[in-house]
PDB file of all heavy atoms in Angstrom:
ATOM      1  N   GLU A   1      19.379   7.233  14.926  1.00  0.00           N
ATOM      2  CA  GLU A   1      20.411   6.244  14.406  1.00  0.00           C
ATOM      3  C   GLU A   1      21.633   7.031  13.657  1.00  0.00           C
ATOM      4  O   GLU A   1      21.313   7.682  12.786  1.00  0.00           O
ATOM      5  CB  GLU A   1      19.764   5.306  13.444  1.00  0.00           C
ATOM      6  CG  GLU A   1      20.654   4.277  12.819  1.00  0.00           C
ATOM      7  CD  GLU A   1      21.287   3.414  13.947  1.00  0.00           C
ATOM      8  OE1 GLU A   1      20.487   2.586  14.539  1.00  0.00           O
ATOM      9  OE2 GLU A   1      22.491   3.514  14.068  1.00  0.00           O
ATOM     10  N   VAL A   2      22.785   6.820  14.177  1.00  0.00           N
ATOM     11  CA  VAL A   2      23.886   7.430  13.566  1.00  0.00           C
ATOM     12  C   VAL A   2      24.468   6.667  12.405  1.00  0.00           C
ATOM     13  O   VAL A   2      25.287   7.239  11.551  1.00  0.00           O
ATOM     14  CB  VAL A   2      25.071   7.709  14.615  1.00  0.00           C
ATOM     15  CG1 VAL A   2      24.460   8.542  15.760  1.00  0.00           C
ATOM     16  CG2 VAL A   2      25.507   6.395  15.209  1.00  0.00           C
ATOM     17  N   SER A   3      24.223   5.433  12.237  1.00  0.00           N
ATOM     18  CA  SER A   3      24.820   4.625  11.236  1.00  0.00           C
ATOM     19  C   SER A   3      23.853   4.644  10.023  1.00  0.00           C
ATOM     20  O   SER A   3      22.730   4.180   9.992  1.00  0.00           O
ATOM     21  CB  SER A   3      24.928   3.218  11.696  1.00  0.00           C
ATOM     22  OG  SER A   3      25.187   2.264  10.601  1.00  0.00           O
ATOM     23  N   ALA A   4      24.394   5.090   8.783  1.00  0.00           N
ATOM     24  CA  ALA A   4      23.705   5.170   7.634  1.00  0.00           C
ATOM     25  C   ALA A   4      23.242   3.824   7.160  1.00  0.00           C
ATOM     26  O   ALA A   4      22.129   3.626   6.570  1.00  0.00           O
ATOM     27  CB  ALA A   4      24.438   5.981   6.554  1.00  0.00           C
ATOM     28  N   ALA A   5      24.168   2.897   7.346  1.00  0.00           N
ATOM     29  CA  ALA A   5      23.952   1.517   6.907  1.00  0.00           C
ATOM     30  C   ALA A   5      22.706   0.848   7.610  1.00  0.00           C
ATOM     31  O   ALA A   5      21.877   0.302   7.067  1.00  0.00           O
ATOM     32  CB  ALA A   5      25.157   0.580   6.997  1.00  0.00           C
ATOM     33  N   LEU A   6      22.753   0.965   8.986  1.00  0.00           N
ATOM     34  CA  LEU A   6      21.698   0.483   9.798  1.00  0.00           C
ATOM     35  C   LEU A   6      20.404   1.215   9.568  1.00  0.00           C
ATOM     36  O   LEU A   6      19.238   0.580   9.395  1.00  0.00           O
ATOM     37  CB  LEU A   6      22.017   0.566  11.148  1.00  0.00           C
ATOM     38  CG  LEU A   6      23.093  -0.457  11.684  1.00  0.00           C
ATOM     39  CD1 LEU A   6      23.470  -0.206  13.081  1.00  0.00           C
ATOM     40  CD2 LEU A   6      22.668  -1.850  11.484  1.00  0.00           C
ATOM     41  N   ARG A   7      20.430   2.490   9.284  1.00  0.00           N
ATOM     42  CA  ARG A   7      19.261   3.389   8.961  1.00  0.00           C
ATOM     43  C   ARG A   7      18.523   2.840   7.814  1.00  0.00           C
ATOM     44  O   ARG A   7      17.358   2.703   7.658  1.00  0.00           O
ATOM     45  CB  ARG A   7      19.589   4.805   8.902  1.00  0.00           C
ATOM     46  CG  ARG A   7      18.411   5.785   8.821  1.00  0.00           C
ATOM     47  CD  ARG A   7      18.835   7.204   9.200  1.00  0.00           C
ATOM     48  NE  ARG A   7      19.805   7.659   8.236  1.00  0.00           N
ATOM     49  CZ  ARG A   7      21.109   7.932   8.757  1.00  0.00           C
ATOM     50  NH1 ARG A   7      21.434   7.767   9.971  1.00  0.00           N
ATOM     51  NH2 ARG A   7      21.971   8.433   7.840  1.00  0.00           N
ATOM     52  N   ALA A   8      19.316   2.553   6.719  1.00  0.00           N
ATOM     53  CA  ALA A   8      18.774   2.017   5.408  1.00  0.00           C
ATOM     54  C   ALA A   8      18.127   0.681   5.619  1.00  0.00           C
ATOM     55  O   ALA A   8      17.057   0.439   5.099  1.00  0.00           O
ATOM     56  CB  ALA A   8      19.887   1.851   4.462  1.00  0.00           C
ATOM     57  N   ARG A   9      18.720  -0.213   6.546  1.00  0.00           N
ATOM     58  CA  ARG A   9      18.131  -1.522   6.829  1.00  0.00           C
ATOM     59  C   ARG A   9      16.824  -1.360   7.592  1.00  0.00           C
ATOM     60  O   ARG A   9      15.836  -2.071   7.270  1.00  0.00           O
ATOM     61  CB  ARG A   9      19.262  -2.285   7.550  1.00  0.00           C
ATOM     62  CG  ARG A   9      18.916  -3.768   7.609  1.00  0.00           C
ATOM     63  CD  ARG A   9      20.184  -4.430   8.107  1.00  0.00           C
ATOM     64  NE  ARG A   9      21.369  -4.281   7.329  1.00  0.00           N
ATOM     65  CZ  ARG A   9      22.629  -4.333   7.843  1.00  0.00           C
ATOM     66  NH1 ARG A   9      22.830  -4.881   9.089  1.00  0.00           N
ATOM     67  NH2 ARG A   9      23.602  -4.224   7.088  1.00  0.00           N
ATOM     68  N   GLN A  10      16.821  -0.448   8.553  1.00  0.00           N
ATOM     69  CA  GLN A  10      15.543  -0.149   9.233  1.00  0.00           C
ATOM     70  C   GLN A  10      14.514   0.378   8.355  1.00  0.00           C
ATOM     71  O   GLN A  10      13.315  -0.029   8.502  1.00  0.00           O
ATOM     72  CB  GLN A  10      15.898   0.855  10.440  1.00  0.00           C
ATOM     73  CG  GLN A  10      16.849   0.409  11.492  1.00  0.00           C
ATOM     74  CD  GLN A  10      17.496   1.589  12.260  1.00  0.00           C
ATOM     75  OE1 GLN A  10      17.206   2.676  11.986  1.00  0.00           O
ATOM     76  NE2 GLN A  10      18.521   1.191  12.967  1.00  0.00           N
ATOM     77  N   GLN A  11      14.817   1.275   7.478  1.00  0.00           N
ATOM     78  CA  GLN A  11      13.822   1.852   6.582  1.00  0.00           C
ATOM     79  C   GLN A  11      13.146   0.819   5.653  1.00  0.00           C
ATOM     80  O   GLN A  11      11.917   0.835   5.424  1.00  0.00           O
ATOM     81  CB  GLN A  11      14.421   3.032   5.762  1.00  0.00           C
ATOM     82  CG  GLN A  11      14.794   4.202   6.611  1.00  0.00           C
ATOM     83  CD  GLN A  11      15.623   5.269   5.905  1.00  0.00           C
ATOM     84  OE1 GLN A  11      16.271   4.954   4.825  1.00  0.00           O
ATOM     85  NE2 GLN A  11      15.710   6.507   6.420  1.00  0.00           N
ATOM     86  N   GLN A  12      13.988  -0.148   5.247  1.00  0.00           N
ATOM     87  CA  GLN A  12      13.415  -1.193   4.390  1.00  0.00           C
ATOM     88  C   GLN A  12      12.465  -2.057   5.330  1.00  0.00           C
ATOM     89  O   GLN A  12      11.307  -2.387   4.818  1.00  0.00           O
ATOM     90  CB  GLN A  12      14.529  -2.050   3.881  1.00  0.00           C
ATOM     91  CG  GLN A  12      14.111  -3.325   3.058  1.00  0.00           C
ATOM     92  CD  GLN A  12      13.551  -2.939   1.698  1.00  0.00           C
ATOM     93  OE1 GLN A  12      13.785  -1.807   1.239  1.00  0.00           O
ATOM     94  NE2 GLN A  12      12.665  -3.763   1.221  1.00  0.00           N
ATOM     95  N   ARG A  13      12.858  -2.396   6.452  1.00  0.00           N
ATOM     96  CA  ARG A  13      12.056  -3.285   7.249  1.00  0.00           C
ATOM     97  C   ARG A  13      10.730  -2.573   7.738  1.00  0.00           C
ATOM     98  O   ARG A  13       9.757  -3.295   7.895  1.00  0.00           O
ATOM     99  CB  ARG A  13      12.891  -3.742   8.552  1.00  0.00           C
ATOM    100  CG  ARG A  13      12.098  -4.675   9.398  1.00  0.00           C
ATOM    101  CD  ARG A  13      13.087  -5.215  10.365  1.00  0.00           C
ATOM    102  NE  ARG A  13      12.590  -6.628  10.783  1.00  0.00           N
ATOM    103  CZ  ARG A  13      13.410  -7.645  11.168  1.00  0.00           C
ATOM    104  NH1 ARG A  13      14.754  -7.451  11.030  1.00  0.00           N
ATOM    105  NH2 ARG A  13      12.963  -8.767  11.447  1.00  0.00           N
ATOM    106  N   LEU A  14      10.847  -1.315   8.033  1.00  0.00           N
ATOM    107  CA  LEU A  14       9.675  -0.712   8.630  1.00  0.00           C
ATOM    108  C   LEU A  14       8.802   0.151   7.645  1.00  0.00           C
ATOM    109  O   LEU A  14       7.910   0.933   7.891  1.00  0.00           O
ATOM    110  CB  LEU A  14      10.137   0.345   9.705  1.00  0.00           C
ATOM    111  CG  LEU A  14      10.942  -0.373  10.824  1.00  0.00           C
ATOM    112  CD1 LEU A  14      11.553   0.689  11.746  1.00  0.00           C
ATOM    113  CD2 LEU A  14      10.111  -1.393  11.630  1.00  0.00           C
ATOM    114  N   ARG A  15       9.053  -0.244   6.384  1.00  0.00           N
ATOM    115  CA  ARG A  15       8.322   0.520   5.230  1.00  0.00           C
ATOM    116  C   ARG A  15       6.770   0.349   5.394  1.00  0.00           C
ATOM    117  O   ARG A  15       6.022   1.324   5.100  1.00  0.00           O
ATOM    118  CB  ARG A  15       8.753   0.009   3.883  1.00  0.00           C
ATOM    119  CG  ARG A  15       8.156   0.763   2.790  1.00  0.00           C
ATOM    120  CD  ARG A  15       8.817   0.339   1.409  1.00  0.00           C
ATOM    121  NE  ARG A  15      10.216   0.586   1.432  1.00  0.00           N
ATOM    122  CZ  ARG A  15      10.962   0.143   0.440  1.00  0.00           C
ATOM    123  NH1 ARG A  15      10.586  -0.660  -0.522  1.00  0.00           N
ATOM    124  NH2 ARG A  15      12.265   0.521   0.422  1.00  0.00           N
ATOM    125  N   PRO A  16       6.251  -0.749   5.885  1.00  0.00           N
ATOM    126  CA  PRO A  16       4.803  -0.835   5.946  1.00  0.00           C
ATOM    127  C   PRO A  16       4.136   0.158   6.827  1.00  0.00           C
ATOM    128  O   PRO A  16       2.841   0.393   6.716  1.00  0.00           O
ATOM    129  CB  PRO A  16       4.608  -2.235   6.563  1.00  0.00           C
ATOM    130  CG  PRO A  16       5.848  -3.045   6.077  1.00  0.00           C
ATOM    131  CD  PRO A  16       6.880  -2.035   6.205  1.00  0.00           C
ATOM    132  N   TRP A  17       4.885   0.783   7.755  1.00  0.00           N
ATOM    133  CA  TRP A  17       4.238   1.725   8.555  1.00  0.00           C
ATOM    134  C   TRP A  17       4.453   3.158   8.121  1.00  0.00           C
ATOM    135  O   TRP A  17       3.965   4.101   8.735  1.00  0.00           O
ATOM    136  CB  TRP A  17       4.895   1.635  10.070  1.00  0.00           C
ATOM    137  CG  TRP A  17       4.406   0.390  10.765  1.00  0.00           C
ATOM    138  CD1 TRP A  17       3.192   0.333  11.549  1.00  0.00           C
ATOM    139  CD2 TRP A  17       4.922  -0.937  10.754  1.00  0.00           C
ATOM    140  NE1 TRP A  17       3.014  -0.956  12.049  1.00  0.00           N
ATOM    141  CE2 TRP A  17       3.995  -1.782  11.454  1.00  0.00           C
ATOM    142  CE3 TRP A  17       6.013  -1.464  10.176  1.00  0.00           C
ATOM    143  CZ2 TRP A  17       4.167  -3.117  11.737  1.00  0.00           C
ATOM    144  CZ3 TRP A  17       6.251  -2.850  10.326  1.00  0.00           C
ATOM    145  CH2 TRP A  17       5.348  -3.660  11.037  1.00  0.00           C
ATOM    146  N   GLY A  18       5.009   3.382   7.029  1.00  0.00           N
ATOM    147  CA  GLY A  18       5.129   4.590   6.365  1.00  0.00           C
ATOM    148  C   GLY A  18       5.487   5.895   7.182  1.00  0.00           C
ATOM    149  O   GLY A  18       6.504   5.812   7.867  1.00  0.00           O
ATOM    150  N   ALA A  19       4.631   6.818   7.169  1.00  0.00           N
ATOM    151  CA  ALA A  19       4.932   8.118   7.903  1.00  0.00           C
ATOM    152  C   ALA A  19       4.898   8.069   9.336  1.00  0.00           C
ATOM    153  O   ALA A  19       5.206   9.030   9.929  1.00  0.00           O
ATOM    154  CB  ALA A  19       3.974   9.193   7.322  1.00  0.00           C
ATOM    155  N   ARG A  20       4.436   6.963   9.839  1.00  0.00           N
ATOM    156  CA  ARG A  20       4.417   6.828  11.365  1.00  0.00           C
ATOM    157  C   ARG A  20       5.800   6.665  11.906  1.00  0.00           C
ATOM    158  O   ARG A  20       5.961   6.641  13.160  1.00  0.00           O
ATOM    159  CB  ARG A  20       3.515   5.709  11.736  1.00  0.00           C
ATOM    160  CG  ARG A  20       2.000   6.047  11.630  1.00  0.00           C
ATOM    161  CD  ARG A  20       1.077   4.850  12.124  1.00  0.00           C
ATOM    162  NE  ARG A  20       1.556   4.432  13.450  1.00  0.00           N
ATOM    163  CZ  ARG A  20       1.298   3.281  13.974  1.00  0.00           C
ATOM    164  NH1 ARG A  20       0.666   2.283  13.236  1.00  0.00           N
ATOM    165  NH2 ARG A  20       1.607   2.920  15.231  1.00  0.00           N
ATOM    166  N   VAL A  21       6.800   6.273  11.111  1.00  0.00           N
ATOM    167  CA  VAL A  21       8.116   6.046  11.529  1.00  0.00           C
ATOM    168  C   VAL A  21       9.045   7.230  11.093  1.00  0.00           C
ATOM    169  O   VAL A  21       8.951   7.589   9.869  1.00  0.00           O
ATOM    170  CB  VAL A  21       8.699   4.758  11.195  1.00  0.00           C
ATOM    171  CG1 VAL A  21      10.056   4.399  11.718  1.00  0.00           C
ATOM    172  CG2 VAL A  21       7.672   3.599  11.443  1.00  0.00           C
ATOM    173  N   HIS A  22       9.799   7.755  11.952  1.00  0.00           N
ATOM    174  CA  HIS A  22      10.651   8.856  11.571  1.00  0.00           C
ATOM    175  C   HIS A  22      12.099   8.614  12.103  1.00  0.00           C
ATOM    176  O   HIS A  22      12.348   7.973  13.124  1.00  0.00           O
ATOM    177  CB  HIS A  22      10.210  10.141  12.332  1.00  0.00           C
ATOM    178  CG  HIS A  22       8.757  10.312  12.333  1.00  0.00           C
ATOM    179  ND1 HIS A  22       8.131  11.127  11.345  1.00  0.00           N
ATOM    180  CD2 HIS A  22       7.670   9.785  13.043  1.00  0.00           C
ATOM    181  CE1 HIS A  22       6.741  11.080  11.487  1.00  0.00           C
ATOM    182  NE2 HIS A  22       6.536  10.317  12.537  1.00  0.00           N
ATOM    183  N   TRP A  23      13.030   9.048  11.235  1.00  0.00           N
ATOM    184  CA  TRP A  23      14.478   8.891  11.558  1.00  0.00           C
ATOM    185  C   TRP A  23      15.196  10.223  11.814  1.00  0.00           C
ATOM    186  O   TRP A  23      14.812  11.226  11.286  1.00  0.00           O
ATOM    187  CB  TRP A  23      15.129   8.138  10.499  1.00  0.00           C
ATOM    188  CG  TRP A  23      14.932   6.672  10.453  1.00  0.00           C
ATOM    189  CD1 TRP A  23      15.790   5.727  11.009  1.00  0.00           C
ATOM    190  CD2 TRP A  23      13.884   5.951   9.873  1.00  0.00           C
ATOM    191  NE1 TRP A  23      15.165   4.445  10.770  1.00  0.00           N
ATOM    192  CE2 TRP A  23      14.067   4.619  10.141  1.00  0.00           C
ATOM    193  CE3 TRP A  23      12.719   6.388   9.184  1.00  0.00           C
ATOM    194  CZ2 TRP A  23      13.087   3.590   9.716  1.00  0.00           C
ATOM    195  CZ3 TRP A  23      11.791   5.397   8.741  1.00  0.00           C
ATOM    196  CH2 TRP A  23      11.917   4.124   9.095  1.00  0.00           C
ATOM    197  N   HIS A  24      16.117  10.084  12.846  1.00  0.00           N
ATOM    198  CA  HIS A  24      16.864  11.297  13.206  1.00  0.00           C
ATOM    199  C   HIS A  24      18.331  10.918  13.372  1.00  0.00           C
ATOM    200  O   HIS A  24      18.643   9.928  13.879  1.00  0.00           O
ATOM    201  CB  HIS A  24      16.367  11.850  14.575  1.00  0.00           C
ATOM    202  CG  HIS A  24      14.875  12.069  14.656  1.00  0.00           C
ATOM    203  ND1 HIS A  24      14.257  13.209  14.300  1.00  0.00           N
ATOM    204  CD2 HIS A  24      13.971  11.191  14.869  1.00  0.00           C
ATOM    205  CE1 HIS A  24      12.938  13.082  14.489  1.00  0.00           C
ATOM    206  NE2 HIS A  24      12.597  11.800  14.850  1.00  0.00           N
ATOM    207  N   GLU A  25      19.102  11.722  12.809  1.00  0.00           N
ATOM    208  CA  GLU A  25      20.678  11.533  12.956  1.00  0.00           C
ATOM    209  C   GLU A  25      21.133  12.009  14.358  1.00  0.00           C
ATOM    210  O   GLU A  25      22.103  11.494  14.904  1.00  0.00           O
ATOM    211  CB  GLU A  25      21.488  12.188  11.930  1.00  0.00           C
ATOM    212  CG  GLU A  25      21.214  11.530  10.508  1.00  0.00           C
ATOM    213  CD  GLU A  25      22.194  12.130   9.488  1.00  0.00           C
ATOM    214  OE1 GLU A  25      23.281  12.728   9.805  1.00  0.00           O
ATOM    215  OE2 GLU A  25      21.772  12.177   8.283  1.00  0.00           O
ATOM    216  N   ARG A  26      20.356  12.937  15.014  1.00  0.00           N
ATOM    217  CA  ARG A  26      20.659  13.476  16.285  1.00  0.00           C
ATOM    218  C   ARG A  26      19.378  13.732  16.998  1.00  0.00           C
ATOM    219  O   ARG A  26      18.297  13.893  16.285  1.00  0.00           O
ATOM    220  CB  ARG A  26      21.613  14.679  16.179  1.00  0.00           C
ATOM    221  CG  ARG A  26      20.925  15.805  15.416  1.00  0.00           C
ATOM    222  CD  ARG A  26      21.950  16.983  15.293  1.00  0.00           C
ATOM    223  NE  ARG A  26      23.066  16.527  14.564  1.00  0.00           N
ATOM    224  CZ  ARG A  26      23.140  16.602  13.131  1.00  0.00           C
ATOM    225  NH1 ARG A  26      21.983  16.878  12.425  1.00  0.00           N
ATOM    226  NH2 ARG A  26      24.193  16.234  12.519  1.00  0.00           N
ATOM    227  N   TRP A  27      19.391  13.721  18.254  1.00  0.00           N
ATOM    228  CA  TRP A  27      18.147  14.005  18.906  1.00  0.00           C
ATOM    229  C   TRP A  27      17.757  15.478  19.017  1.00  0.00           C
ATOM    230  O   TRP A  27      18.615  16.311  18.863  1.00  0.00           O
ATOM    231  CB  TRP A  27      18.165  13.396  20.384  1.00  0.00           C
ATOM    232  CG  TRP A  27      19.411  13.734  21.302  1.00  0.00           C
ATOM    233  CD1 TRP A  27      20.307  14.673  21.019  1.00  0.00           C
ATOM    234  CD2 TRP A  27      19.711  13.086  22.408  1.00  0.00           C
ATOM    235  NE1 TRP A  27      21.334  14.653  21.911  1.00  0.00           N
ATOM    236  CE2 TRP A  27      20.897  13.647  22.905  1.00  0.00           C
ATOM    237  CE3 TRP A  27      19.179  12.010  23.114  1.00  0.00           C
ATOM    238  CZ2 TRP A  27      21.568  13.293  24.024  1.00  0.00           C
ATOM    239  CZ3 TRP A  27      19.788  11.715  24.428  1.00  0.00           C
ATOM    240  CH2 TRP A  27      21.025  12.294  24.797  1.00  0.00           C
ATOM    241  N   PRO A  28      16.388  15.761  19.090  1.00  0.00           N
ATOM    242  CA  PRO A  28      15.887  17.085  19.126  1.00  0.00           C
ATOM    243  C   PRO A  28      16.237  17.800  20.437  1.00  0.00           C
ATOM    244  O   PRO A  28      16.609  17.173  21.411  1.00  0.00           O
ATOM    245  CB  PRO A  28      14.407  16.892  18.970  1.00  0.00           C
ATOM    246  CG  PRO A  28      14.187  15.622  19.560  1.00  0.00           C
ATOM    247  CD  PRO A  28      15.346  14.737  19.293  1.00  0.00           C
ATOM    248  N   GLU A  29      16.058  19.065  20.454  1.00  0.00           N
ATOM    249  CA  GLU A  29      16.287  19.864  21.681  1.00  0.00           C
ATOM    250  C   GLU A  29      15.239  19.478  22.803  1.00  0.00           C
ATOM    251  O   GLU A  29      15.644  19.594  23.993  1.00  0.00           O
ATOM    252  CB  GLU A  29      16.154  21.312  21.394  1.00  0.00           C
ATOM    253  CG  GLU A  29      17.257  21.849  20.563  1.00  0.00           C
ATOM    254  CD  GLU A  29      18.616  21.688  21.271  1.00  0.00           C
ATOM    255  OE1 GLU A  29      18.727  21.957  22.506  1.00  0.00           O
ATOM    256  OE2 GLU A  29      19.697  21.244  20.596  1.00  0.00           O
ATOM    257  N   ARG A  30      14.056  19.162  22.453  1.00  0.00           N
ATOM    258  CA  ARG A  30      13.027  18.777  23.388  1.00  0.00           C
ATOM    259  C   ARG A  30      12.317  17.494  22.834  1.00  0.00           C
ATOM    260  O   ARG A  30      12.136  17.403  21.551  1.00  0.00           O
ATOM    261  CB  ARG A  30      12.026  19.846  23.535  1.00  0.00           C
ATOM    262  CG  ARG A  30      12.647  21.130  24.256  1.00  0.00           C
ATOM    263  CD  ARG A  30      12.916  20.796  25.783  1.00  0.00           C
ATOM    264  NE  ARG A  30      13.340  21.956  26.413  1.00  0.00           N
ATOM    265  CZ  ARG A  30      14.754  22.272  26.469  1.00  0.00           C
ATOM    266  NH1 ARG A  30      15.612  21.568  25.900  1.00  0.00           N
ATOM    267  NH2 ARG A  30      15.064  23.434  27.127  1.00  0.00           N
ATOM    268  N   LEU A  31      12.009  16.608  23.688  1.00  0.00           N
ATOM    269  CA  LEU A  31      11.235  15.381  23.257  1.00  0.00           C
ATOM    270  C   LEU A  31      10.185  15.017  24.285  1.00  0.00           C
ATOM    271  O   LEU A  31      10.450  15.119  25.480  1.00  0.00           O
ATOM    272  CB  LEU A  31      12.162  14.207  22.833  1.00  0.00           C
ATOM    273  CG  LEU A  31      13.025  13.621  23.814  1.00  0.00           C
ATOM    274  CD1 LEU A  31      12.398  12.473  24.533  1.00  0.00           C
ATOM    275  CD2 LEU A  31      14.291  13.060  23.081  1.00  0.00           C
ATOM    276  N   ASP A  32       9.173  14.309  23.747  1.00  0.00           N
ATOM    277  CA  ASP A  32       8.119  13.869  24.557  1.00  0.00           C
ATOM    278  C   ASP A  32       7.875  12.380  24.184  1.00  0.00           C
ATOM    279  O   ASP A  32       7.817  12.133  23.001  1.00  0.00           O
ATOM    280  CB  ASP A  32       6.787  14.592  24.585  1.00  0.00           C
ATOM    281  CG  ASP A  32       6.877  16.035  24.942  1.00  0.00           C
ATOM    282  OD1 ASP A  32       6.867  16.241  26.146  1.00  0.00           O
ATOM    283  OD2 ASP A  32       7.160  16.971  24.122  1.00  0.00           O
TER     284      ASP A  32
END
């Protein structure tokens, strides 16, 4: 998510899932 405002909204909504949810401002070099 590139939008800080949307990222904050997502973090509030998904708080019940704790460390299972991760945010990135840019994608990693490799992903699975």
